[in-house]
Amino acid sequence: MHVSEQVLRGYTGKTRPSAQARFLRKQFPKIIFVFRDDGSLALRQEEFDRYTLSKAAQPAAGQTRRNLDLSLLRRAG
């Protein structure tokens, strides 16, 4: 799946694909994207998430989050 043009426009604040590419290269020098034949950017959602940390709150597939032990907090009150 690719990042939509609206998401790129909202994140970069730029409307032209060339300006979006400059912004992404400046902010994330190692990000991987390509230009389509029509001049628009093709950026995979996973690549975008890796650099923008938009999925950092969600555990990756196969990982589980540990439950916090709140028993000490309950006793204090």
C-alpha atoms as a PDB file:
ATOM      1  CA  MET A   1       0.000   0.000   0.000  1.00  0.00           C
ATOM      2  CA  HIS A   2       1.203   3.499  -0.816  1.00  0.00           C
ATOM      3  CA  VAL A   3       0.804   6.785   1.024  1.00  0.00           C
ATOM      4  CA  SER A   4      -1.966   8.871  -0.518  1.00  0.00           C
ATOM      5  CA  GLU A   5      -1.307  12.239  -2.107  1.00  0.00           C
ATOM      6  CA  GLN A   6      -3.470  13.917   0.543  1.00  0.00           C
ATOM      7  CA  VAL A   7      -1.381  12.445   3.376  1.00  0.00           C
ATOM      8  CA  LEU A   8       1.865  13.539   1.714  1.00  0.00           C
ATOM      9  CA  ARG A   9       0.433  17.008   1.106  1.00  0.00           C
ATOM     10  CA  GLY A  10      -0.692  17.278   4.719  1.00  0.00           C
ATOM     11  CA  TYR A  11       2.581  15.991   6.178  1.00  0.00           C
ATOM     12  CA  THR A  12       4.956  18.011   3.996  1.00  0.00           C
ATOM     13  CA  GLY A  13       2.797  21.093   3.528  1.00  0.00           C
ATOM     14  CA  LYS A  14       3.763  20.990  -0.160  1.00  0.00           C
ATOM     15  CA  THR A  15       1.519  20.400  -3.166  1.00  0.00           C
ATOM     16  CA  ARG A  16       4.051  19.685  -5.930  1.00  0.00           C
ATOM     17  CA  PRO A  17       5.684  16.236  -5.921  1.00  0.00           C
ATOM     18  CA  SER A  18       9.137  17.746  -6.506  1.00  0.00           C
ATOM     19  CA  ALA A  19       8.737  19.949  -3.406  1.00  0.00           C
ATOM     20  CA  GLN A  20       7.468  16.961  -1.415  1.00  0.00           C
ATOM     21  CA  ALA A  21      10.544  14.979  -2.512  1.00  0.00           C
ATOM     22  CA  ARG A  22      12.890  17.787  -1.431  1.00  0.00           C
ATOM     23  CA  PHE A  23      11.168  17.964   1.952  1.00  0.00           C
ATOM     24  CA  LEU A  24      11.376  14.196   2.488  1.00  0.00           C
ATOM     25  CA  ARG A  25      15.046  14.043   1.417  1.00  0.00           C
ATOM     26  CA  LYS A  26      15.919  16.902   3.758  1.00  0.00           C
ATOM     27  CA  GLN A  27      14.057  15.468   6.754  1.00  0.00           C
ATOM     28  CA  PHE A  28      14.838  11.787   6.135  1.00  0.00           C
ATOM     29  CA  PRO A  29      17.948  11.343   3.938  1.00  0.00           C
ATOM     30  CA  LYS A  30      17.592   7.541   3.814  1.00  0.00           C
ATOM     31  CA  ILE A  31      13.884   7.373   2.927  1.00  0.00           C
ATOM     32  CA  ILE A  32      13.092   5.387  -0.206  1.00  0.00           C
ATOM     33  CA  PHE A  33      10.544   6.636  -2.740  1.00  0.00           C
ATOM     34  CA  VAL A  34      10.243   6.821  -6.509  1.00  0.00           C
ATOM     35  CA  PHE A  35       8.586   9.111  -9.028  1.00  0.00           C
ATOM     36  CA  ARG A  36       5.761   7.588 -11.038  1.00  0.00           C
ATOM     37  CA  ASP A  37       5.422   8.197 -14.784  1.00  0.00           C
ATOM     38  CA  ASP A  38       2.887  10.966 -14.111  1.00  0.00           C
ATOM     39  CA  GLY A  39       5.374  12.771 -11.824  1.00  0.00           C
ATOM     40  CA  SER A  40       3.720  11.909  -8.509  1.00  0.00           C
ATOM     41  CA  LEU A  41       5.546  10.230  -5.633  1.00  0.00           C
ATOM     42  CA  ALA A  42       5.221   6.556  -4.820  1.00  0.00           C
ATOM     43  CA  LEU A  43       6.057   6.009  -1.144  1.00  0.00           C
ATOM     44  CA  ARG A  44       5.215   2.774   0.631  1.00  0.00           C
ATOM     45  CA  GLN A  45       3.159   3.137   3.804  1.00  0.00           C
ATOM     46  CA  GLU A  46       5.631   0.979   5.767  1.00  0.00           C
ATOM     47  CA  GLU A  47       8.510   3.235   4.728  1.00  0.00           C
ATOM     48  CA  PHE A  48       6.562   6.346   5.709  1.00  0.00           C
ATOM     49  CA  ASP A  49       5.644   4.820   9.073  1.00  0.00           C
ATOM     50  CA  ARG A  50       9.243   3.828   9.763  1.00  0.00           C
ATOM     51  CA  TYR A  51      10.422   7.426   9.541  1.00  0.00           C
ATOM     52  CA  THR A  52       7.429   9.284  10.906  1.00  0.00           C
ATOM     53  CA  LEU A  53       6.792   6.897  13.822  1.00  0.00           C
ATOM     54  CA  SER A  54       3.069   7.021  13.183  1.00  0.00           C
ATOM     55  CA  LYS A  55       2.733   3.382  14.201  1.00  0.00           C
ATOM     56  CA  ALA A  56       5.131   3.508  17.146  1.00  0.00           C
ATOM     57  CA  ALA A  57       2.301   3.080  19.632  1.00  0.00           C
ATOM     58  CA  GLN A  58       1.216  -0.192  18.040  1.00  0.00           C
ATOM     59  CA  PRO A  59       3.300  -3.318  18.641  1.00  0.00           C
ATOM     60  CA  ALA A  60       4.715  -4.978  15.541  1.00  0.00           C
ATOM     61  CA  ALA A  61       3.320  -8.288  14.371  1.00  0.00           C
ATOM     62  CA  GLY A  62       4.362 -11.092  16.693  1.00  0.00           C
ATOM     63  CA  GLN A  63       5.176  -8.777  19.592  1.00  0.00           C
ATOM     64  CA  THR A  64       3.081  -8.337  22.676  1.00  0.00           C
ATOM     65  CA  ARG A  65       3.081  -5.498  25.129  1.00  0.00           C
ATOM     66  CA  ARG A  66       3.609  -6.282  28.779  1.00  0.00           C
ATOM     67  CA  ASN A  67       0.853  -5.322  31.164  1.00  0.00           C
ATOM     68  CA  LEU A  68       1.899  -2.821  33.788  1.00  0.00           C
ATOM     69  CA  ASP A  69       1.747  -3.868  37.426  1.00  0.00           C
ATOM     70  CA  LEU A  70      -0.364  -1.147  39.024  1.00  0.00           C
ATOM     71  CA  SER A  71      -0.788  -2.875  42.385  1.00  0.00           C
ATOM     72  CA  LEU A  72       1.657  -0.510  44.116  1.00  0.00           C
ATOM     73  CA  LEU A  73      -0.319   2.511  42.981  1.00  0.00           C
ATOM     74  CA  ARG A  74      -3.598   1.045  44.190  1.00  0.00           C
ATOM     75  CA  ARG A  75      -2.231   0.445  47.690  1.00  0.00           C
ATOM     76  CA  ALA A  76      -0.920   4.007  48.055  1.00  0.00           C
ATOM     77  CA  GLY A  77      -4.404   5.572  47.891  1.00  0.00           C
END
